Amino acid sequence: MRDEFARKLFAGPCDFFWGASRIDNLPPQSLREVAIVGRSNVGKSSLINALTGRKTAARVSQTPGRTRELNFFNLGGKLILVDLPGYGYAKASKTLAMDWQTLAFSYMSGRATLVRVLVLIDSRRGVMATDLAVMELLDRAAVSYELVLTKTDELKPAQVESVAAATAAEGRKHTACLAETAATSAQSGFGIDLLQSQLAALADR
């Protein structure tokens, strides 16, 4: 049965209210926050739009790395969704870009109102080295996170099951990773209801 609170929460207002390009320019802490992170072009903005039933809540770009700010969205005065810049390797070395670590990780490791991080994984590629680096950072900071597969509509059902199992197995190796792995498609809507219910359980009632 569909979670009625979740349905109303995500059908209600979802307003962008703050963009922060520096760690000293974050909004005042108030409601609980859920941060959404992932490699550039993994589908963060598309997932936010699918969750909220809007086409333009978060701007979708075909250019990887276009999001440079932490973008804060107020979900009906009950929960805040935070769209973080996409991460990737620095051009000069196989390490996470320093500017991403400085901004995004500083936020995730020091924000008292942050209750969950969704680490998005492109289901067509599985967990990659940059994803592992972020997961290890979150482990060290003891920040609770869930792995969320995106773009599952581009795979066959058996392939989705296989990558979900492999992703969950990787997650079990990490101390701060939740046991449950979500599989979603912003395009088809697959898994969106379940993820809405999970997030609604974290909201203020």
C-alpha atoms as a PDB file:
ATOM      1  CA  MET A   1       0.000   0.000   0.000  1.00  0.00           C
ATOM      2  CA  ARG A   2       1.287   3.448  -0.948  1.00  0.00           C
ATOM      3  CA  ASP A   3       2.568   5.526   1.961  1.00  0.00           C
ATOM      4  CA  GLU A   4       0.021   8.358   2.152  1.00  0.00           C
ATOM      5  CA  PHE A   5       2.321  10.723   4.051  1.00  0.00           C
ATOM      6  CA  ALA A   6       5.046  10.136   1.448  1.00  0.00           C
ATOM      7  CA  ARG A   7       2.600  10.727  -1.403  1.00  0.00           C
ATOM      8  CA  LYS A   8       1.425  14.036   0.045  1.00  0.00           C
ATOM      9  CA  LEU A   9       4.946  15.121   0.980  1.00  0.00           C
ATOM     10  CA  PHE A  10       6.374  14.650  -2.500  1.00  0.00           C
ATOM     11  CA  ALA A  11       3.233  15.953  -4.241  1.00  0.00           C
ATOM     12  CA  GLY A  12       3.421  19.168  -2.224  1.00  0.00           C
ATOM     13  CA  PRO A  13       5.658  22.221  -2.591  1.00  0.00           C
ATOM     14  CA  CYS A  14       9.349  21.735  -3.364  1.00  0.00           C
ATOM     15  CA  ASP A  15      11.077  25.082  -3.447  1.00  0.00           C
ATOM     16  CA  PHE A  16      14.697  25.899  -4.212  1.00  0.00           C
ATOM     17  CA  PHE A  17      15.785  28.338  -1.527  1.00  0.00           C
ATOM     18  CA  TRP A  18      19.578  28.379  -1.277  1.00  0.00           C
ATOM     19  CA  GLY A  19      22.688  27.826  -3.368  1.00  0.00           C
ATOM     20  CA  ALA A  20      26.060  27.621  -1.634  1.00  0.00           C
ATOM     21  CA  SER A  21      29.375  27.654  -3.476  1.00  0.00           C
ATOM     22  CA  ARG A  22      31.409  28.021  -0.264  1.00  0.00           C
ATOM     23  CA  ILE A  23      31.296  26.088   2.992  1.00  0.00           C
ATOM     24  CA  ASP A  24      30.940  29.374   4.929  1.00  0.00           C
ATOM     25  CA  ASN A  25      27.778  30.250   2.991  1.00  0.00           C
ATOM     26  CA  LEU A  26      25.466  27.400   3.992  1.00  0.00           C
ATOM     27  CA  PRO A  27      21.871  28.125   5.039  1.00  0.00           C
ATOM     28  CA  PRO A  28      20.997  28.103   8.748  1.00  0.00           C
ATOM     29  CA  GLN A  29      20.327  24.598  10.033  1.00  0.00           C
ATOM     30  CA  SER A  30      16.641  23.895  10.591  1.00  0.00           C
ATOM     31  CA  LEU A  31      14.876  20.879   9.042  1.00  0.00           C
ATOM     32  CA  ARG A  32      16.445  17.475   8.549  1.00  0.00           C
ATOM     33  CA  GLU A  33      18.447  17.200   5.346  1.00  0.00           C
ATOM     34  CA  VAL A  34      19.025  14.433   2.804  1.00  0.00           C
ATOM     35  CA  ALA A  35      21.993  14.952   0.483  1.00  0.00           C
ATOM     36  CA  ILE A  36      22.158  13.438  -2.999  1.00  0.00           C
ATOM     37  CA  VAL A  37      25.623  12.765  -4.423  1.00  0.00           C
ATOM     38  CA  GLY A  38      27.099  10.882  -7.321  1.00  0.00           C
ATOM     39  CA  ARG A  39      29.484  11.015 -10.235  1.00  0.00           C
ATOM     40  CA  SER A  40      28.919  13.743 -12.795  1.00  0.00           C
ATOM     41  CA  ASN A  41      25.917  12.964 -15.019  1.00  0.00           C
ATOM     42  CA  VAL A  42      24.769  10.020 -12.873  1.00  0.00           C
ATOM     43  CA  GLY A  43      21.270  11.503 -12.761  1.00  0.00           C
ATOM     44  CA  LYS A  44      21.046  13.455  -9.500  1.00  0.00           C
ATOM     45  CA  SER A  45      18.863  16.242 -10.857  1.00  0.00           C
ATOM     46  CA  SER A  46      16.676  13.786 -12.784  1.00  0.00           C
ATOM     47  CA  LEU A  47      16.111  11.768  -9.605  1.00  0.00           C
ATOM     48  CA  ILE A  48      15.110  14.864  -7.629  1.00  0.00           C
ATOM     49  CA  ASN A  49      12.666  15.801 -10.381  1.00  0.00           C
ATOM     50  CA  ALA A  50      11.232  12.261 -10.434  1.00  0.00           C
ATOM     51  CA  LEU A  51      10.856  12.175  -6.645  1.00  0.00           C
ATOM     52  CA  THR A  52       9.018  15.499  -6.591  1.00  0.00           C
ATOM     53  CA  GLY A  53       7.002  14.914  -9.765  1.00  0.00           C
ATOM     54  CA  ARG A  54       8.413  18.009 -11.418  1.00  0.00           C
ATOM     55  CA  LYS A  55      10.375  18.599 -14.580  1.00  0.00           C
ATOM     56  CA  THR A  56      12.311  21.620 -13.387  1.00  0.00           C
ATOM     57  CA  ALA A  57      12.757  21.342  -9.600  1.00  0.00           C
ATOM     58  CA  ALA A  58      16.427  20.648 -10.280  1.00  0.00           C
ATOM     59  CA  ARG A  59      17.967  21.772 -13.530  1.00  0.00           C
ATOM     60  CA  VAL A  60      19.149  18.849 -15.653  1.00  0.00           C
ATOM     61  CA  SER A  61      22.300  19.359 -17.690  1.00  0.00           C
ATOM     62  CA  GLN A  62      23.793  17.134 -20.362  1.00  0.00           C
ATOM     63  CA  THR A  63      27.196  18.580 -19.516  1.00  0.00           C
ATOM     64  CA  PRO A  64      28.936  16.605 -16.740  1.00  0.00           C
ATOM     65  CA  GLY A  65      30.035  18.723 -13.814  1.00  0.00           C
ATOM     66  CA  ARG A  66      27.693  21.626 -14.549  1.00  0.00           C
ATOM     67  CA  THR A  67      26.367  21.752 -10.967  1.00  0.00           C
ATOM     68  CA  ARG A  68      28.943  23.727  -8.974  1.00  0.00           C
ATOM     69  CA  GLU A  69      26.902  24.599  -5.917  1.00  0.00           C
ATOM     70  CA  LEU A  70      25.121  22.834  -3.094  1.00  0.00           C
ATOM     71  CA  ASN A  71      21.482  23.428  -4.034  1.00  0.00           C
ATOM     72  CA  PHE A  72      18.920  23.272  -1.213  1.00  0.00           C
ATOM     73  CA  PHE A  73      15.232  22.433  -1.785  1.00  0.00           C
ATOM     74  CA  ASN A  74      12.550  22.772   0.921  1.00  0.00           C
ATOM     75  CA  LEU A  75      10.086  19.894   0.678  1.00  0.00           C
ATOM     76  CA  GLY A  76       6.839  21.161   2.151  1.00  0.00           C
ATOM     77  CA  GLY A  77       8.461  22.444   5.326  1.00  0.00           C
ATOM     78  CA  LYS A  78       9.132  18.830   6.349  1.00  0.00           C
ATOM     79  CA  LEU A  79      12.463  17.881   4.779  1.00  0.00           C
ATOM     80  CA  ILE A  80      15.296  19.464   2.808  1.00  0.00           C
ATOM     81  CA  LEU A  81      16.833  17.816  -0.245  1.00  0.00           C
ATOM     82  CA  VAL A  82      20.377  18.874  -1.099  1.00  0.00           C
ATOM     83  CA  ASP A  83      21.708  18.425  -4.632  1.00  0.00           C
ATOM     84  CA  LEU A  84      25.507  18.285  -4.436  1.00  0.00           C
ATOM     85  CA  PRO A  85      27.978  18.834  -7.280  1.00  0.00           C
ATOM     86  CA  GLY A  86      28.925  15.725  -9.205  1.00  0.00           C
ATOM     87  CA  TYR A  87      32.275  14.225  -8.351  1.00  0.00           C
ATOM     88  CA  GLY A  88      34.959  12.721 -10.528  1.00  0.00           C
ATOM     89  CA  TYR A  89      38.652  12.240 -10.786  1.00  0.00           C
ATOM     90  CA  ALA A  90      40.868  15.289 -10.887  1.00  0.00           C
ATOM     91  CA  LYS A  91      42.285  15.641 -14.392  1.00  0.00           C
ATOM     92  CA  ALA A  92      45.867  15.395 -13.196  1.00  0.00           C
ATOM     93  CA  SER A  93      45.528  12.332 -10.974  1.00  0.00           C
ATOM     94  CA  LYS A  94      43.253   9.500  -9.938  1.00  0.00           C
ATOM     95  CA  THR A  95      42.029  11.231  -6.824  1.00  0.00           C
ATOM     96  CA  LEU A  96      38.799  13.008  -6.024  1.00  0.00           C
ATOM     97  CA  ALA A  97      38.950  16.614  -7.176  1.00  0.00           C
ATOM     98  CA  MET A  98      40.079  18.773  -4.274  1.00  0.00           C
ATOM     99  CA  ASP A  99      37.419  21.414  -4.836  1.00  0.00           C
ATOM    100  CA  TRP A 100      34.723  18.727  -4.512  1.00  0.00           C
ATOM    101  CA  GLN A 101      36.240  17.416  -1.291  1.00  0.00           C
ATOM    102  CA  THR A 102      36.554  20.905   0.139  1.00  0.00           C
ATOM    103  CA  LEU A 103      32.950  21.888  -0.498  1.00  0.00           C
ATOM    104  CA  ALA A 104      30.822  18.740  -0.598  1.00  0.00           C
ATOM    105  CA  PHE A 105      32.642  16.590   1.911  1.00  0.00           C
ATOM    106  CA  SER A 106      33.088  19.473   4.351  1.00  0.00           C
ATOM    107  CA  TYR A 107      29.320  19.885   4.241  1.00  0.00           C
ATOM    108  CA  MET A 108      28.547  16.172   4.628  1.00  0.00           C
ATOM    109  CA  SER A 109      30.970  15.588   7.485  1.00  0.00           C
ATOM    110  CA  GLY A 110      30.001  18.605   9.581  1.00  0.00           C
ATOM    111  CA  ARG A 111      26.272  19.183   9.157  1.00  0.00           C
ATOM    112  CA  ALA A 112      24.274  18.292  12.274  1.00  0.00           C
ATOM    113  CA  THR A 113      20.924  18.315  10.429  1.00  0.00           C
ATOM    114  CA  LEU A 114      22.122  15.877   7.725  1.00  0.00           C
ATOM    115  CA  VAL A 115      20.387  12.555   8.402  1.00  0.00           C
ATOM    116  CA  ARG A 116      21.070  10.611   5.211  1.00  0.00           C
ATOM    117  CA  VAL A 117      23.233  10.701   2.095  1.00  0.00           C
ATOM    118  CA  LEU A 118      22.074   9.008  -1.085  1.00  0.00           C
ATOM    119  CA  VAL A 119      25.079   7.883  -3.116  1.00  0.00           C
ATOM    120  CA  LEU A 120      23.849   7.439  -6.673  1.00  0.00           C
ATOM    121  CA  ILE A 121      25.387   4.662  -8.773  1.00  0.00           C
ATOM    122  CA  ASP A 122      24.889   4.421 -12.545  1.00  0.00           C
ATOM    123  CA  SER A 123      23.433   0.924 -12.940  1.00  0.00           C
ATOM    124  CA  ARG A 124      25.065   0.579 -16.370  1.00  0.00           C
ATOM    125  CA  ARG A 125      28.520   0.888 -14.832  1.00  0.00           C
ATOM    126  CA  GLY A 126      28.186  -0.289 -11.231  1.00  0.00           C
ATOM    127  CA  VAL A 127      30.322   0.943  -8.343  1.00  0.00           C
ATOM    128  CA  MET A 128      33.405   2.680  -9.712  1.00  0.00           C
ATOM    129  CA  ALA A 129      36.641   3.832  -8.100  1.00  0.00           C
ATOM    130  CA  THR A 130      35.385   7.367  -7.478  1.00  0.00           C
ATOM    131  CA  ASP A 131      32.251   5.983  -5.812  1.00  0.00           C
ATOM    132  CA  LEU A 132      34.423   3.839  -3.544  1.00  0.00           C
ATOM    133  CA  ALA A 133      36.517   6.868  -2.608  1.00  0.00           C
ATOM    134  CA  VAL A 134      33.396   8.787  -1.561  1.00  0.00           C
ATOM    135  CA  MET A 135      32.034   5.788   0.348  1.00  0.00           C
ATOM    136  CA  GLU A 136      35.308   5.511   2.254  1.00  0.00           C
ATOM    137  CA  LEU A 137      35.193   9.215   3.105  1.00  0.00           C
ATOM    138  CA  LEU A 138      31.655   8.807   4.444  1.00  0.00           C
ATOM    139  CA  ASP A 139      32.694   5.714   6.409  1.00  0.00           C
ATOM    140  CA  ARG A 140      35.452   7.679   8.124  1.00  0.00           C
ATOM    141  CA  ALA A 141      33.073  10.532   8.905  1.00  0.00           C
ATOM    142  CA  ALA A 142      30.402   8.077  10.158  1.00  0.00           C
ATOM    143  CA  VAL A 143      27.779   9.611   7.881  1.00  0.00           C
ATOM    144  CA  SER A 144      24.906   7.205   7.157  1.00  0.00           C
ATOM    145  CA  TYR A 145      24.381   6.614   3.438  1.00  0.00           C
ATOM    146  CA  GLU A 146      22.362   4.467   1.045  1.00  0.00           C
ATOM    147  CA  LEU A 147      23.425   3.291  -2.410  1.00  0.00           C
ATOM    148  CA  VAL A 148      20.838   4.127  -5.083  1.00  0.00           C
ATOM    149  CA  LEU A 149      21.052   2.695  -8.588  1.00  0.00           C
ATOM    150  CA  THR A 150      19.947   5.028 -11.391  1.00  0.00           C
ATOM    151  CA  LYS A 151      19.003   4.543 -15.067  1.00  0.00           C
ATOM    152  CA  THR A 152      17.764   0.970 -14.584  1.00  0.00           C
ATOM    153  CA  ASP A 153      15.388   1.429 -17.543  1.00  0.00           C
ATOM    154  CA  GLU A 154      18.429   0.992 -19.798  1.00  0.00           C
ATOM    155  CA  LEU A 155      19.022  -2.542 -18.512  1.00  0.00           C
ATOM    156  CA  LYS A 156      17.101  -5.787 -18.730  1.00  0.00           C
ATOM    157  CA  PRO A 157      15.462  -6.988 -15.472  1.00  0.00           C
ATOM    158  CA  ALA A 158      18.044  -9.754 -14.979  1.00  0.00           C
ATOM    159  CA  GLN A 159      20.832  -7.218 -15.402  1.00  0.00           C
ATOM    160  CA  VAL A 160      19.235  -4.937 -12.811  1.00  0.00           C
ATOM    161  CA  GLU A 161      19.069  -7.833 -10.339  1.00  0.00           C
ATOM    162  CA  SER A 162      22.709  -8.661 -10.986  1.00  0.00           C
ATOM    163  CA  VAL A 163      24.048  -5.128 -10.558  1.00  0.00           C
ATOM    164  CA  ALA A 164      21.823  -4.599  -7.492  1.00  0.00           C
ATOM    165  CA  ALA A 165      23.274  -7.729  -5.873  1.00  0.00           C
ATOM    166  CA  ALA A 166      26.831  -6.683  -6.676  1.00  0.00           C
ATOM    167  CA  THR A 167      26.209  -3.164  -5.371  1.00  0.00           C
ATOM    168  CA  ALA A 168      24.669  -4.470  -2.140  1.00  0.00           C
ATOM    169  CA  ALA A 169      27.638  -6.805  -1.673  1.00  0.00           C
ATOM    170  CA  GLU A 170      30.018  -3.861  -1.989  1.00  0.00           C
ATOM    171  CA  GLY A 171      27.906  -1.843   0.429  1.00  0.00           C
ATOM    172  CA  ARG A 172      28.214  -4.547   3.090  1.00  0.00           C
ATOM    173  CA  LYS A 173      31.966  -3.917   3.182  1.00  0.00           C
ATOM    174  CA  HIS A 174      31.403  -0.347   4.406  1.00  0.00           C
ATOM    175  CA  THR A 175      30.622   0.579   7.994  1.00  0.00           C
ATOM    176  CA  ALA A 176      28.344   3.582   7.339  1.00  0.00           C
ATOM    177  CA  CYS A 177      26.467   2.100   4.375  1.00  0.00           C
ATOM    178  CA  LEU A 178      22.881   0.972   4.928  1.00  0.00           C
ATOM    179  CA  ALA A 179      22.050  -2.638   4.131  1.00  0.00           C
ATOM    180  CA  GLU A 180      19.296  -1.717   1.688  1.00  0.00           C
ATOM    181  CA  THR A 181      20.171  -0.771  -1.901  1.00  0.00           C
ATOM    182  CA  ALA A 182      17.536   1.049  -3.956  1.00  0.00           C
ATOM    183  CA  ALA A 183      17.097   0.562  -7.704  1.00  0.00           C
ATOM    184  CA  THR A 184      15.426   3.424  -9.575  1.00  0.00           C
ATOM    185  CA  SER A 185      14.677   4.925 -12.948  1.00  0.00           C
ATOM    186  CA  ALA A 186      13.764   8.582 -13.256  1.00  0.00           C
ATOM    187  CA  GLN A 187      12.616   7.832 -16.796  1.00  0.00           C
ATOM    188  CA  SER A 188      10.141   5.016 -16.059  1.00  0.00           C
ATOM    189  CA  GLY A 189       9.412   5.785 -12.400  1.00  0.00           C
ATOM    190  CA  PHE A 190      10.662   2.383 -11.273  1.00  0.00           C
ATOM    191  CA  GLY A 191      11.543   2.364  -7.560  1.00  0.00           C
ATOM    192  CA  ILE A 192      10.566   5.997  -7.022  1.00  0.00           C
ATOM    193  CA  ASP A 193       7.603   5.206  -4.702  1.00  0.00           C
ATOM    194  CA  LEU A 194       9.782   3.076  -2.434  1.00  0.00           C
ATOM    195  CA  LEU A 195      12.507   5.704  -2.225  1.00  0.00           C
ATOM    196  CA  GLN A 196       9.894   8.360  -1.451  1.00  0.00           C
ATOM    197  CA  SER A 197       8.639   6.252   1.465  1.00  0.00           C
ATOM    198  CA  GLN A 198      12.168   5.781   2.793  1.00  0.00           C
ATOM    199  CA  LEU A 199      12.850   9.516   2.694  1.00  0.00           C
ATOM    200  CA  ALA A 200       9.452  10.419   4.139  1.00  0.00           C
ATOM    201  CA  ALA A 201      10.304   8.295   7.180  1.00  0.00           C
ATOM    202  CA  LEU A 202      13.157  10.749   7.856  1.00  0.00           C
ATOM    203  CA  ALA A 203      10.996  13.872   7.569  1.00  0.00           C
ATOM    204  CA  ASP A 204       9.555  15.998  10.357  1.00  0.00           C
ATOM    205  CA  ARG A 205       5.886  15.158  10.876  1.00  0.00           C
END
